[in-house]
């Protein structure tokens, strides 16, 4: 699957060059634009399949509840979660709550892990305020949940330490991966329960929706 994805990326680049070289012919230009869009969409959906098949380990090994988590430590005025990398395993190695991600073969493991924590924080507010797709831009504000004013993930990779910010001034930093997961969760919930909104106002989004999608890649 990954080879197919990289192949489609290569085709996109070739198509883009061809568009530039042949843009003097209007009809050829339109044909190449169409091919570019088709190849781009194929590449996007392949990328989605790759992303949704991770982490490779079971959910019970990386389940995180921000309301009662013990892996968060306080460093000066910021909260920090430490991750230690051993080949493909990224884990907290906390004596009470060890969270681990098997990211073997994934190109951007740090971005994925940040996205996981961001979306699980956002779920709390979205469920509390019953936010749906039209209110998505407001979901990055965590208030009134004020447990983490500033939250960082600190990755220990060999002799390097890399710090990634996921919460700043009670607002989550939303990279592409976390935003896409949140949109997926809201859209799926809207489609499944939209007809019952008047009778069932307490519709929830959460990691379970993502896990249901992940099952088909097992």
N, C-alpha and C. Protein backbone atom coordinates (compact mmCIF):
# COMPACT_ATOMS: atom_id res chain seq x y z
N UNK A 1 0.82 -1.20 0.00
CA UNK A 1 0.00 0.00 0.00
C UNK A 1 0.86 1.26 0.00
N UNK A 2 1.94 1.26 0.79
CA UNK A 2 2.80 2.43 0.84
C UNK A 2 3.50 2.66 -0.50
N UNK A 3 3.91 1.58 -1.16
CA UNK A 3 4.56 1.71 -2.46
C UNK A 3 3.60 2.32 -3.48
N UNK A 4 2.33 1.90 -3.40
CA UNK A 4 1.33 2.46 -4.31
C UNK A 4 1.15 3.95 -4.05
N UNK A 5 1.15 4.33 -2.77
CA UNK A 5 1.01 5.74 -2.43
C UNK A 5 2.17 6.56 -2.98
N UNK A 6 3.40 6.09 -2.77
CA UNK A 6 4.56 6.83 -3.27
C UNK A 6 4.55 6.88 -4.80
N UNK A 7 4.05 5.82 -5.42
CA UNK A 7 3.95 5.79 -6.88
C UNK A 7 2.98 6.86 -7.38
N UNK A 8 1.84 7.02 -6.67
CA UNK A 8 0.87 8.04 -7.07
C UNK A 8 1.42 9.45 -6.86
N UNK A 9 2.22 9.63 -5.81
CA UNK A 9 2.86 10.93 -5.60
C UNK A 9 3.78 11.25 -6.77
N UNK A 10 4.54 10.23 -7.22
CA UNK A 10 5.41 10.42 -8.37
C UNK A 10 4.62 10.77 -9.62
N UNK A 11 3.49 10.11 -9.82
CA UNK A 11 2.65 10.42 -10.97
C UNK A 11 2.11 11.84 -10.90
N UNK A 12 1.80 12.29 -9.68
CA UNK A 12 1.34 13.67 -9.52
C UNK A 12 2.39 14.66 -9.96
N UNK A 13 3.62 14.42 -9.58
CA UNK A 13 4.71 15.32 -9.96
C UNK A 13 4.91 15.32 -11.48
N UNK A 14 4.84 14.12 -12.07
CA UNK A 14 4.99 14.03 -13.53
C UNK A 14 3.85 14.77 -14.22
N UNK A 15 2.63 14.56 -13.72
CA UNK A 15 1.47 15.24 -14.31
C UNK A 15 1.60 16.75 -14.21
N UNK A 16 2.13 17.22 -13.07
CA UNK A 16 2.30 18.66 -12.89
C UNK A 16 3.29 19.23 -13.89
N UNK A 17 4.40 18.51 -14.12
CA UNK A 17 5.38 18.96 -15.10
C UNK A 17 4.78 18.97 -16.50
N UNK A 18 4.02 17.92 -16.82
CA UNK A 18 3.39 17.84 -18.14
C UNK A 18 2.41 19.00 -18.34
N UNK A 19 1.67 19.35 -17.27
CA UNK A 19 0.74 20.48 -17.36
C UNK A 19 1.48 21.77 -17.72
N UNK A 20 2.62 21.96 -17.08
CA UNK A 20 3.40 23.18 -17.35
C UNK A 20 3.92 23.18 -18.79
N UNK A 21 4.40 22.01 -19.23
CA UNK A 21 5.00 21.94 -20.57
C UNK A 21 3.97 22.05 -21.68
N UNK A 22 2.75 21.61 -21.43
CA UNK A 22 1.74 21.56 -22.48
C UNK A 22 0.63 22.58 -22.30
N UNK A 23 0.84 23.54 -21.44
CA UNK A 23 -0.25 24.47 -21.16
C UNK A 23 -0.56 25.42 -22.31
N UNK A 24 0.24 25.39 -23.41
CA UNK A 24 -0.06 26.23 -24.56
C UNK A 24 -1.25 25.69 -25.34
N UNK A 25 -1.50 24.39 -25.22
CA UNK A 25 -2.66 23.77 -25.87
C UNK A 25 -3.79 23.68 -24.85
N UNK A 26 -4.88 24.41 -25.11
CA UNK A 26 -5.96 24.51 -24.12
C UNK A 26 -6.56 23.17 -23.79
N UNK A 27 -6.85 22.33 -24.78
CA UNK A 27 -7.50 21.05 -24.54
C UNK A 27 -6.57 20.09 -23.81
N UNK A 28 -5.30 20.09 -24.21
CA UNK A 28 -4.33 19.25 -23.49
C UNK A 28 -4.18 19.73 -22.05
N UNK A 29 -4.26 21.03 -21.87
CA UNK A 29 -4.18 21.60 -20.52
C UNK A 29 -5.32 21.09 -19.66
N UNK A 30 -6.55 21.10 -20.21
CA UNK A 30 -7.71 20.62 -19.45
C UNK A 30 -7.60 19.13 -19.14
N UNK A 31 -7.13 18.35 -20.12
CA UNK A 31 -6.97 16.92 -19.91
C UNK A 31 -5.97 16.65 -18.79
N UNK A 32 -4.87 17.38 -18.81
CA UNK A 32 -3.84 17.17 -17.79
C UNK A 32 -4.31 17.63 -16.42
N UNK A 33 -5.09 18.72 -16.38
CA UNK A 33 -5.67 19.14 -15.10
C UNK A 33 -6.57 18.04 -14.54
N UNK A 34 -7.40 17.46 -15.40
CA UNK A 34 -8.30 16.38 -14.99
C UNK A 34 -7.50 15.18 -14.46
N UNK A 35 -6.45 14.79 -15.19
CA UNK A 35 -5.63 13.66 -14.76
C UNK A 35 -4.94 13.96 -13.44
N UNK A 36 -4.48 15.20 -13.30
CA UNK A 36 -3.82 15.60 -12.05
C UNK A 36 -4.77 15.46 -10.87
N UNK A 37 -6.02 15.92 -11.03
CA UNK A 37 -7.00 15.84 -9.95
C UNK A 37 -7.32 14.39 -9.61
N UNK A 38 -7.48 13.54 -10.64
CA UNK A 38 -7.79 12.13 -10.43
C UNK A 38 -6.66 11.45 -9.66
N UNK A 39 -5.43 11.67 -10.12
CA UNK A 39 -4.28 11.04 -9.47
C UNK A 39 -4.12 11.56 -8.04
N UNK A 40 -4.38 12.86 -7.85
CA UNK A 40 -4.29 13.43 -6.51
C UNK A 40 -5.30 12.78 -5.56
N UNK A 41 -6.53 12.59 -6.04
CA UNK A 41 -7.57 11.98 -5.20
C UNK A 41 -7.22 10.53 -4.86
N UNK A 42 -6.68 9.81 -5.85
CA UNK A 42 -6.27 8.43 -5.59
C UNK A 42 -5.18 8.41 -4.52
N UNK A 43 -4.20 9.31 -4.66
CA UNK A 43 -3.13 9.39 -3.67
C UNK A 43 -3.64 9.75 -2.30
N UNK A 44 -4.64 10.67 -2.25
CA UNK A 44 -5.19 11.08 -0.96
C UNK A 44 -5.87 9.92 -0.25
N UNK A 45 -6.72 9.18 -0.97
CA UNK A 45 -7.44 8.08 -0.34
C UNK A 45 -6.50 6.95 0.07
N UNK A 46 -5.44 6.75 -0.70
CA UNK A 46 -4.43 5.76 -0.28
C UNK A 46 -3.73 6.23 0.99
N UNK A 47 -3.45 7.53 1.07
CA UNK A 47 -2.83 8.08 2.29
C UNK A 47 -3.75 7.90 3.49
N UNK A 48 -5.04 8.13 3.29
CA UNK A 48 -6.01 7.95 4.38
C UNK A 48 -5.99 6.51 4.88
N UNK A 49 -5.94 5.56 3.95
CA UNK A 49 -5.90 4.15 4.35
C UNK A 49 -4.64 3.84 5.15
N UNK A 50 -3.52 4.40 4.74
CA UNK A 50 -2.27 4.17 5.46
C UNK A 50 -2.37 4.73 6.87
N UNK A 51 -2.85 6.00 6.99
CA UNK A 51 -2.94 6.65 8.29
C UNK A 51 -3.89 5.89 9.22
N UNK A 52 -5.02 5.46 8.69
CA UNK A 52 -6.03 4.83 9.54
C UNK A 52 -5.68 3.40 9.93
N UNK A 53 -4.60 2.86 9.39
CA UNK A 53 -4.17 1.52 9.80
C UNK A 53 -3.21 1.58 10.99
N UNK A 54 -2.84 2.79 11.42
CA UNK A 54 -1.92 2.97 12.55
C UNK A 54 -2.67 3.46 13.78
N UNK A 55 -2.05 3.21 14.97
CA UNK A 55 -0.86 2.41 15.27
C UNK A 55 -1.11 0.93 14.99
N UNK A 56 -0.04 0.18 14.88
CA UNK A 56 -0.17 -1.24 14.55
C UNK A 56 -0.55 -2.09 15.76
N UNK A 57 -0.37 -1.57 16.96
CA UNK A 57 -0.72 -2.34 18.16
C UNK A 57 -2.17 -2.08 18.56
N UNK A 58 -2.63 -2.81 19.57
CA UNK A 58 -4.02 -2.73 20.01
C UNK A 58 -4.30 -1.45 20.80
N UNK A 59 -5.54 -1.02 20.76
CA UNK A 59 -5.94 0.23 21.40
C UNK A 59 -5.70 0.21 22.91
N UNK A 60 -5.82 -0.94 23.53
CA UNK A 60 -5.63 -1.02 24.97
C UNK A 60 -4.22 -0.60 25.39
N UNK A 61 -3.27 -0.62 24.45
CA UNK A 61 -1.90 -0.25 24.77
C UNK A 61 -1.62 1.25 24.62
N UNK A 62 -2.55 1.98 23.97
CA UNK A 62 -2.33 3.42 23.84
C UNK A 62 -3.57 4.23 24.22
N UNK A 63 -4.50 3.61 24.91
CA UNK A 63 -5.70 4.33 25.35
C UNK A 63 -5.32 5.43 26.34
N UNK A 64 -5.87 6.62 26.11
CA UNK A 64 -5.55 7.76 26.98
C UNK A 64 -6.80 8.54 27.33
N UNK A 65 -6.99 8.75 28.62
CA UNK A 65 -8.11 9.55 29.11
C UNK A 65 -7.54 10.81 29.77
N UNK A 66 -7.67 11.97 29.14
CA UNK A 66 -7.07 13.20 29.70
C UNK A 66 -7.67 13.63 31.04
N UNK A 67 -8.84 13.11 31.37
CA UNK A 67 -9.49 13.52 32.61
C UNK A 67 -8.81 12.92 33.85
N UNK A 68 -8.23 11.74 33.70
CA UNK A 68 -7.60 11.10 34.88
C UNK A 68 -6.23 10.51 34.56
N UNK A 69 -5.54 11.08 33.60
CA UNK A 69 -4.24 10.54 33.20
C UNK A 69 -3.16 10.82 34.25
N UNK A 70 -2.23 9.88 34.37
CA UNK A 70 -1.12 10.04 35.32
C UNK A 70 0.22 10.22 34.61
N UNK A 71 0.24 10.18 33.29
CA UNK A 71 1.51 10.27 32.56
C UNK A 71 1.97 11.72 32.36
N UNK A 72 1.10 12.66 32.70
CA UNK A 72 1.44 14.07 32.50
C UNK A 72 2.19 14.59 33.72
N UNK A 73 3.40 15.10 33.50
CA UNK A 73 4.18 15.69 34.57
C UNK A 73 4.25 17.20 34.39
N UNK A 74 4.54 17.92 35.48
CA UNK A 74 4.62 19.38 35.40
C UNK A 74 6.07 19.80 35.43
N UNK A 75 6.46 20.55 34.41
CA UNK A 75 7.83 21.05 34.28
C UNK A 75 7.75 22.57 34.24
N UNK A 76 8.10 23.20 35.38
CA UNK A 76 7.95 24.64 35.54
C UNK A 76 6.48 25.02 35.34
N UNK A 77 6.17 25.85 34.33
CA UNK A 77 4.79 26.28 34.13
C UNK A 77 4.10 25.52 33.01
N UNK A 78 4.69 24.43 32.57
CA UNK A 78 4.08 23.67 31.48
C UNK A 78 3.91 22.21 31.88
N UNK A 79 2.96 21.57 31.22
CA UNK A 79 2.73 20.15 31.42
C UNK A 79 3.39 19.37 30.28
N UNK A 80 3.98 18.23 30.63
CA UNK A 80 4.78 17.48 29.65
C UNK A 80 4.46 15.99 29.72
N UNK A 81 4.39 15.38 28.53
CA UNK A 81 4.31 13.92 28.43
C UNK A 81 5.57 13.45 27.72
N UNK A 82 6.35 12.59 28.38
CA UNK A 82 7.62 12.12 27.83
C UNK A 82 7.42 10.82 27.06
N UNK A 83 8.01 10.77 25.86
CA UNK A 83 8.00 9.56 25.06
C UNK A 83 9.44 9.14 24.76
N UNK A 84 9.67 7.82 24.87
CA UNK A 84 10.99 7.26 24.60
C UNK A 84 10.87 6.32 23.41
N UNK A 85 11.82 6.46 22.49
CA UNK A 85 11.73 5.73 21.22
C UNK A 85 12.69 4.56 21.22
N UNK A 86 12.15 3.38 20.93
CA UNK A 86 12.95 2.18 20.79
C UNK A 86 12.56 1.52 19.47
N UNK A 87 13.36 1.80 18.44
CA UNK A 87 13.06 1.35 17.08
C UNK A 87 11.68 1.85 16.67
N UNK A 88 10.71 0.96 16.49
CA UNK A 88 9.39 1.41 16.02
C UNK A 88 8.42 1.71 17.15
N UNK A 89 8.83 1.46 18.39
CA UNK A 89 7.94 1.68 19.54
C UNK A 89 8.19 3.05 20.17
N UNK A 90 7.10 3.77 20.37
CA UNK A 90 7.13 5.08 21.02
C UNK A 90 6.30 4.94 22.28
N UNK A 91 6.93 5.00 23.46
CA UNK A 91 6.20 4.73 24.69
C UNK A 91 6.62 5.66 25.82
N UNK A 92 5.70 5.82 26.79
CA UNK A 92 5.93 6.73 27.91
C UNK A 92 6.79 6.10 29.00
N UNK A 93 6.73 4.78 29.12
CA UNK A 93 7.48 4.05 30.16
C UNK A 93 7.15 4.56 31.56
N UNK A 94 5.92 4.96 31.75
CA UNK A 94 5.48 5.42 33.06
C UNK A 94 5.08 4.21 33.90
N UNK A 95 5.46 4.22 35.16
CA UNK A 95 5.24 3.03 36.00
C UNK A 95 3.75 2.75 36.25
N UNK A 96 2.92 3.77 36.23
CA UNK A 96 1.49 3.56 36.48
C UNK A 96 0.67 3.52 35.20
N UNK A 97 1.13 4.19 34.17
CA UNK A 97 0.34 4.29 32.94
C UNK A 97 1.28 4.33 31.73
N UNK A 98 1.59 3.18 31.22
CA UNK A 98 2.50 3.12 30.08
C UNK A 98 1.72 3.10 28.77
N UNK A 99 1.89 4.15 27.98
CA UNK A 99 1.23 4.24 26.69
C UNK A 99 2.27 4.00 25.60
N UNK A 100 1.93 3.15 24.64
CA UNK A 100 2.89 2.81 23.59
C UNK A 100 2.21 2.79 22.23
N UNK A 101 2.94 3.29 21.23
CA UNK A 101 2.48 3.29 19.85
C UNK A 101 3.48 2.52 19.00
N UNK A 102 2.99 1.56 18.25
CA UNK A 102 3.82 0.85 17.28
C UNK A 102 3.66 1.55 15.93
N UNK A 103 4.65 2.35 15.55
CA UNK A 103 4.57 3.17 14.34
C UNK A 103 5.52 2.67 13.26
N UNK A 104 5.77 1.38 13.22
CA UNK A 104 6.71 0.81 12.25
C UNK A 104 6.30 1.17 10.82
N UNK A 105 7.22 1.79 10.10
CA UNK A 105 7.00 2.12 8.70
C UNK A 105 6.28 3.43 8.45
N UNK A 106 5.81 4.10 9.53
CA UNK A 106 5.09 5.36 9.35
C UNK A 106 6.08 6.50 9.18
N UNK A 107 5.78 7.41 8.24
CA UNK A 107 6.75 8.45 7.88
C UNK A 107 6.79 9.58 8.91
N UNK A 108 5.64 9.92 9.51
CA UNK A 108 5.59 11.05 10.43
C UNK A 108 5.02 10.61 11.78
N UNK A 109 5.76 9.81 12.54
CA UNK A 109 5.21 9.29 13.80
C UNK A 109 4.96 10.37 14.84
N UNK A 110 5.82 11.38 14.93
CA UNK A 110 5.62 12.43 15.93
C UNK A 110 4.34 13.21 15.65
N UNK A 111 4.10 13.52 14.38
CA UNK A 111 2.88 14.24 14.01
C UNK A 111 1.65 13.41 14.34
N UNK A 112 1.72 12.11 14.07
CA UNK A 112 0.58 11.23 14.36
C UNK A 112 0.29 11.22 15.86
N UNK A 113 1.31 11.05 16.69
CA UNK A 113 1.12 10.95 18.13
C UNK A 113 0.58 12.27 18.69
N UNK A 114 1.10 13.39 18.20
CA UNK A 114 0.57 14.70 18.61
C UNK A 114 -0.91 14.80 18.25
N UNK A 115 -1.25 14.37 17.04
CA UNK A 115 -2.64 14.43 16.59
C UNK A 115 -3.54 13.59 17.48
N UNK A 116 -3.05 12.44 17.91
CA UNK A 116 -3.85 11.56 18.77
C UNK A 116 -4.22 12.26 20.07
N UNK A 117 -3.24 12.91 20.71
CA UNK A 117 -3.51 13.59 21.98
C UNK A 117 -4.39 14.82 21.77
N UNK A 118 -4.17 15.54 20.68
CA UNK A 118 -4.98 16.72 20.40
C UNK A 118 -6.44 16.36 20.22
N UNK A 119 -6.71 15.35 19.41
CA UNK A 119 -8.11 15.04 19.14
C UNK A 119 -8.81 14.49 20.38
N UNK A 120 -8.09 13.78 21.25
CA UNK A 120 -8.71 13.26 22.46
C UNK A 120 -9.02 14.38 23.45
N UNK A 121 -8.24 15.45 23.42
CA UNK A 121 -8.57 16.63 24.22
C UNK A 121 -9.79 17.34 23.62
N UNK A 122 -9.80 17.46 22.30
CA UNK A 122 -10.92 18.15 21.65
C UNK A 122 -12.25 17.42 21.83
N UNK A 123 -12.20 16.08 21.88
CA UNK A 123 -13.43 15.31 22.06
C UNK A 123 -14.17 15.75 23.32
N UNK A 124 -13.43 16.07 24.38
CA UNK A 124 -14.05 16.44 25.66
C UNK A 124 -14.96 17.64 25.48
N UNK A 125 -14.43 18.69 24.83
CA UNK A 125 -15.18 19.93 24.66
C UNK A 125 -16.30 19.76 23.65
N UNK A 126 -16.02 19.02 22.58
CA UNK A 126 -17.04 18.84 21.55
C UNK A 126 -18.25 18.09 22.10
N UNK A 127 -17.99 17.11 22.97
CA UNK A 127 -19.10 16.36 23.58
C UNK A 127 -19.82 17.20 24.63
N UNK A 128 -19.04 18.00 25.36
CA UNK A 128 -19.64 18.81 26.42
C UNK A 128 -20.54 19.91 25.84
N UNK A 129 -20.07 20.53 24.74
CA UNK A 129 -20.82 21.64 24.15
C UNK A 129 -21.69 21.20 22.97
N UNK A 130 -21.68 19.89 22.66
CA UNK A 130 -22.46 19.35 21.54
C UNK A 130 -22.14 20.07 20.24
N UNK A 131 -20.85 20.17 19.94
CA UNK A 131 -20.41 20.86 18.72
C UNK A 131 -20.49 19.92 17.53
N UNK A 132 -20.89 20.47 16.40
CA UNK A 132 -20.96 19.71 15.17
C UNK A 132 -20.13 20.40 14.11
N UNK A 133 -20.23 19.96 12.89
CA UNK A 133 -19.34 20.40 11.83
C UNK A 133 -19.32 21.91 11.65
N UNK A 134 -20.48 22.57 11.75
CA UNK A 134 -20.53 24.01 11.53
C UNK A 134 -19.80 24.79 12.62
N UNK A 135 -19.56 24.16 13.78
CA UNK A 135 -18.86 24.83 14.87
C UNK A 135 -17.44 24.32 15.06
N UNK A 136 -16.92 23.61 14.08
CA UNK A 136 -15.60 23.00 14.20
C UNK A 136 -14.50 23.99 14.57
N UNK A 137 -14.45 25.21 13.99
CA UNK A 137 -13.36 26.13 14.35
C UNK A 137 -13.30 26.48 15.83
N UNK A 138 -14.40 26.30 16.57
CA UNK A 138 -14.42 26.65 17.98
C UNK A 138 -13.93 25.51 18.87
N UNK A 139 -13.76 24.33 18.30
CA UNK A 139 -13.50 23.15 19.13
C UNK A 139 -12.07 23.07 19.65
N UNK A 140 -11.17 23.96 19.20
CA UNK A 140 -9.80 23.87 19.69
C UNK A 140 -9.65 24.55 21.04
N UNK A 141 -10.65 25.30 21.50
CA UNK A 141 -10.58 25.94 22.82
C UNK A 141 -11.07 24.94 23.86
N UNK A 142 -10.21 24.64 24.84
CA UNK A 142 -10.51 23.59 25.80
C UNK A 142 -11.34 24.06 27.00
N UNK A 143 -11.45 25.36 27.19
CA UNK A 143 -12.22 25.86 28.32
C UNK A 143 -13.69 25.47 28.18
N UNK A 144 -14.35 25.08 29.27
CA UNK A 144 -13.97 25.20 30.68
C UNK A 144 -13.06 24.09 31.21
N UNK A 145 -12.66 23.12 30.36
CA UNK A 145 -11.70 22.10 30.81
C UNK A 145 -10.32 22.76 30.90
N UNK A 146 -9.89 23.07 32.13
CA UNK A 146 -8.69 23.88 32.31
C UNK A 146 -7.54 23.13 32.99
N UNK A 147 -7.50 21.84 32.74
CA UNK A 147 -6.46 21.04 33.40
C UNK A 147 -5.07 21.33 32.83
N UNK A 148 -4.99 21.58 31.52
CA UNK A 148 -3.69 21.81 30.88
C UNK A 148 -3.70 23.16 30.16
N UNK A 149 -3.02 24.14 30.75
CA UNK A 149 -2.91 25.43 30.08
C UNK A 149 -1.95 25.35 28.90
N UNK A 150 -0.81 24.71 29.12
CA UNK A 150 0.18 24.48 28.07
C UNK A 150 0.67 23.05 28.19
N UNK A 151 0.52 22.28 27.12
CA UNK A 151 0.89 20.87 27.15
C UNK A 151 1.85 20.56 26.01
N UNK A 152 2.94 19.85 26.34
CA UNK A 152 3.95 19.49 25.35
C UNK A 152 4.16 17.98 25.36
N UNK A 153 4.53 17.45 24.21
CA UNK A 153 5.04 16.09 24.13
C UNK A 153 6.55 16.19 23.93
N UNK A 154 7.28 15.47 24.77
CA UNK A 154 8.74 15.51 24.71
C UNK A 154 9.25 14.15 24.26
N UNK A 155 9.84 14.12 23.06
CA UNK A 155 10.30 12.87 22.46
C UNK A 155 11.79 12.70 22.68
N UNK A 156 12.17 11.58 23.32
CA UNK A 156 13.57 11.25 23.55
C UNK A 156 14.00 10.25 22.47
N UNK A 157 14.75 10.73 21.49
CA UNK A 157 15.16 9.91 20.36
C UNK A 157 16.68 9.82 20.35
N UNK A 158 17.19 8.67 20.78
CA UNK A 158 18.64 8.48 20.92
C UNK A 158 19.20 9.57 21.82
N UNK A 159 20.07 10.42 21.27
CA UNK A 159 20.69 11.47 22.08
C UNK A 159 20.00 12.82 21.91
N UNK A 160 18.86 12.84 21.24
CA UNK A 160 18.16 14.09 20.99
C UNK A 160 16.85 14.15 21.78
N UNK A 161 16.46 15.36 22.10
CA UNK A 161 15.16 15.59 22.75
C UNK A 161 14.40 16.59 21.89
N UNK A 162 13.21 16.20 21.44
CA UNK A 162 12.39 17.04 20.57
C UNK A 162 11.09 17.37 21.30
N UNK A 163 10.80 18.67 21.39
CA UNK A 163 9.61 19.13 22.11
C UNK A 163 8.55 19.58 21.12
N UNK A 164 7.33 19.03 21.27
CA UNK A 164 6.22 19.39 20.39
C UNK A 164 5.07 19.94 21.24
N UNK A 165 4.58 21.11 20.87
CA UNK A 165 3.48 21.74 21.60
C UNK A 165 2.14 21.24 21.06
N UNK A 166 1.26 20.82 21.96
CA UNK A 166 -0.08 20.38 21.56
C UNK A 166 -1.18 21.27 22.14
N UNK A 167 -0.88 21.99 23.24
CA UNK A 167 -1.83 22.93 23.83
C UNK A 167 -1.10 24.21 24.19
N UNK A 168 -1.67 25.34 23.79
CA UNK A 168 -1.12 26.66 24.13
C UNK A 168 -2.24 27.55 24.61
N UNK A 169 -2.11 28.03 25.84
CA UNK A 169 -3.13 28.92 26.43
C UNK A 169 -4.53 28.32 26.32
N UNK A 170 -4.64 27.06 26.69
CA UNK A 170 -5.91 26.32 26.71
C UNK A 170 -6.49 26.10 25.32
N UNK A 171 -5.68 26.21 24.27
CA UNK A 171 -6.15 25.93 22.91
C UNK A 171 -5.24 24.90 22.28
N UNK A 172 -5.85 23.88 21.65
CA UNK A 172 -5.05 22.85 21.01
C UNK A 172 -4.48 23.36 19.69
N UNK A 173 -3.26 22.90 19.41
CA UNK A 173 -2.61 23.19 18.13
C UNK A 173 -3.05 22.11 17.16
N UNK A 174 -3.72 22.48 16.07
CA UNK A 174 -4.36 21.49 15.21
C UNK A 174 -3.60 21.24 13.92
N UNK A 175 -2.73 20.23 13.89
CA UNK A 175 -2.12 19.85 12.62
C UNK A 175 -3.14 19.13 11.73
N UNK A 176 -2.77 18.89 10.50
CA UNK A 176 -3.69 18.30 9.51
C UNK A 176 -4.27 16.98 9.99
N UNK A 177 -3.46 16.11 10.58
CA UNK A 177 -3.94 14.78 10.96
C UNK A 177 -5.06 14.86 11.98
N UNK A 178 -4.88 15.68 13.02
CA UNK A 178 -5.91 15.74 14.05
C UNK A 178 -7.18 16.37 13.52
N UNK A 179 -7.05 17.38 12.66
CA UNK A 179 -8.22 18.03 12.09
C UNK A 179 -9.02 17.04 11.26
N UNK A 180 -8.34 16.21 10.47
CA UNK A 180 -9.03 15.25 9.63
C UNK A 180 -9.76 14.21 10.47
N UNK A 181 -9.12 13.76 11.56
CA UNK A 181 -9.77 12.78 12.43
C UNK A 181 -11.03 13.37 13.05
N UNK A 182 -10.95 14.63 13.48
CA UNK A 182 -12.10 15.27 14.10
C UNK A 182 -13.24 15.41 13.10
N UNK A 183 -12.91 15.85 11.88
CA UNK A 183 -13.93 15.99 10.84
C UNK A 183 -14.59 14.64 10.56
N UNK A 184 -13.77 13.60 10.44
CA UNK A 184 -14.32 12.26 10.21
C UNK A 184 -15.30 11.87 11.30
N UNK A 185 -14.92 12.11 12.55
CA UNK A 185 -15.77 11.71 13.67
C UNK A 185 -17.09 12.46 13.65
N UNK A 186 -17.03 13.77 13.37
CA UNK A 186 -18.25 14.55 13.36
C UNK A 186 -19.15 14.13 12.20
N UNK A 187 -18.57 13.99 11.02
CA UNK A 187 -19.37 13.62 9.84
C UNK A 187 -20.03 12.27 10.04
N UNK A 188 -19.29 11.30 10.55
CA UNK A 188 -19.86 9.98 10.78
C UNK A 188 -21.00 10.03 11.79
N UNK A 189 -20.81 10.83 12.84
CA UNK A 189 -21.85 10.96 13.85
C UNK A 189 -23.08 11.63 13.27
N UNK A 190 -22.86 12.68 12.48
CA UNK A 190 -23.98 13.39 11.86
C UNK A 190 -24.77 12.46 10.94
N UNK A 191 -24.06 11.64 10.17
CA UNK A 191 -24.73 10.74 9.24
C UNK A 191 -25.50 9.65 9.97
N UNK A 192 -24.91 9.14 11.06
CA UNK A 192 -25.53 8.04 11.78
C UNK A 192 -26.72 8.47 12.63
N UNK A 193 -26.62 9.68 13.20
CA UNK A 193 -27.64 10.08 14.17
C UNK A 193 -28.37 11.38 13.80
N UNK A 194 -28.06 11.92 12.61
CA UNK A 194 -28.64 13.20 12.24
C UNK A 194 -30.15 13.22 12.26
N UNK A 195 -30.76 12.11 11.87
CA UNK A 195 -32.22 12.06 11.82
C UNK A 195 -32.87 12.04 13.19
N UNK A 196 -32.06 11.80 14.24
CA UNK A 196 -32.62 11.70 15.59
C UNK A 196 -32.17 12.86 16.48
N UNK A 197 -31.67 13.93 15.85
CA UNK A 197 -31.07 14.99 16.64
C UNK A 197 -32.08 15.60 17.61
N UNK A 198 -33.32 15.73 17.17
CA UNK A 198 -34.31 16.33 18.05
C UNK A 198 -34.62 15.46 19.25
N UNK A 199 -34.55 14.13 19.10
CA UNK A 199 -34.89 13.21 20.17
C UNK A 199 -33.67 12.78 20.97
N UNK A 200 -32.49 12.90 20.37
CA UNK A 200 -31.27 12.40 21.03
C UNK A 200 -30.19 13.47 20.97
N UNK A 201 -30.26 14.51 21.83
CA UNK A 201 -29.31 15.62 21.75
C UNK A 201 -27.90 15.28 22.21
N UNK A 202 -27.74 14.25 23.01
CA UNK A 202 -26.42 13.94 23.56
C UNK A 202 -25.67 12.96 22.66
N UNK A 203 -25.30 13.45 21.48
CA UNK A 203 -24.52 12.65 20.54
C UNK A 203 -23.04 12.85 20.85
N UNK A 204 -22.31 11.78 20.93
CA UNK A 204 -20.91 11.87 21.32
C UNK A 204 -19.99 11.46 20.17
N UNK A 205 -18.83 12.09 20.14
CA UNK A 205 -17.77 11.69 19.23
C UNK A 205 -16.61 11.22 20.11
N UNK A 206 -15.78 10.36 19.55
CA UNK A 206 -14.67 9.85 20.34
C UNK A 206 -13.80 8.91 19.54
N UNK A 207 -12.81 8.35 20.20
CA UNK A 207 -11.85 7.48 19.53
C UNK A 207 -12.52 6.22 18.98
N UNK A 208 -13.66 5.84 19.53
CA UNK A 208 -14.35 4.62 19.08
C UNK A 208 -14.72 4.70 17.60
N UNK A 209 -15.03 5.90 17.11
CA UNK A 209 -15.36 6.03 15.69
C UNK A 209 -14.15 5.75 14.82
N UNK A 210 -13.01 6.25 15.24
CA UNK A 210 -11.77 5.99 14.51
C UNK A 210 -11.41 4.52 14.56
N UNK A 211 -11.61 3.89 15.72
CA UNK A 211 -11.29 2.47 15.86
C UNK A 211 -12.17 1.61 14.98
N UNK A 212 -13.42 1.99 14.82
CA UNK A 212 -14.31 1.24 13.92
C UNK A 212 -13.81 1.27 12.50
N UNK A 213 -13.24 2.40 12.08
CA UNK A 213 -12.67 2.50 10.74
C UNK A 213 -11.37 1.71 10.62
N UNK A 214 -10.64 1.66 11.72
CA UNK A 214 -9.35 0.97 11.72
C UNK A 214 -9.50 -0.55 11.58
N UNK A 215 -10.62 -1.09 12.07
CA UNK A 215 -10.82 -2.54 12.09
C UNK A 215 -10.71 -3.17 10.71
N UNK A 216 -11.12 -2.44 9.69
CA UNK A 216 -11.13 -3.05 8.35
C UNK A 216 -9.72 -3.26 7.79
N UNK A 217 -8.70 -2.67 8.45
CA UNK A 217 -7.33 -2.85 7.98
C UNK A 217 -6.61 -3.96 8.74
N UNK A 218 -7.30 -4.55 9.72
CA UNK A 218 -6.69 -5.61 10.51
C UNK A 218 -6.57 -6.89 9.67
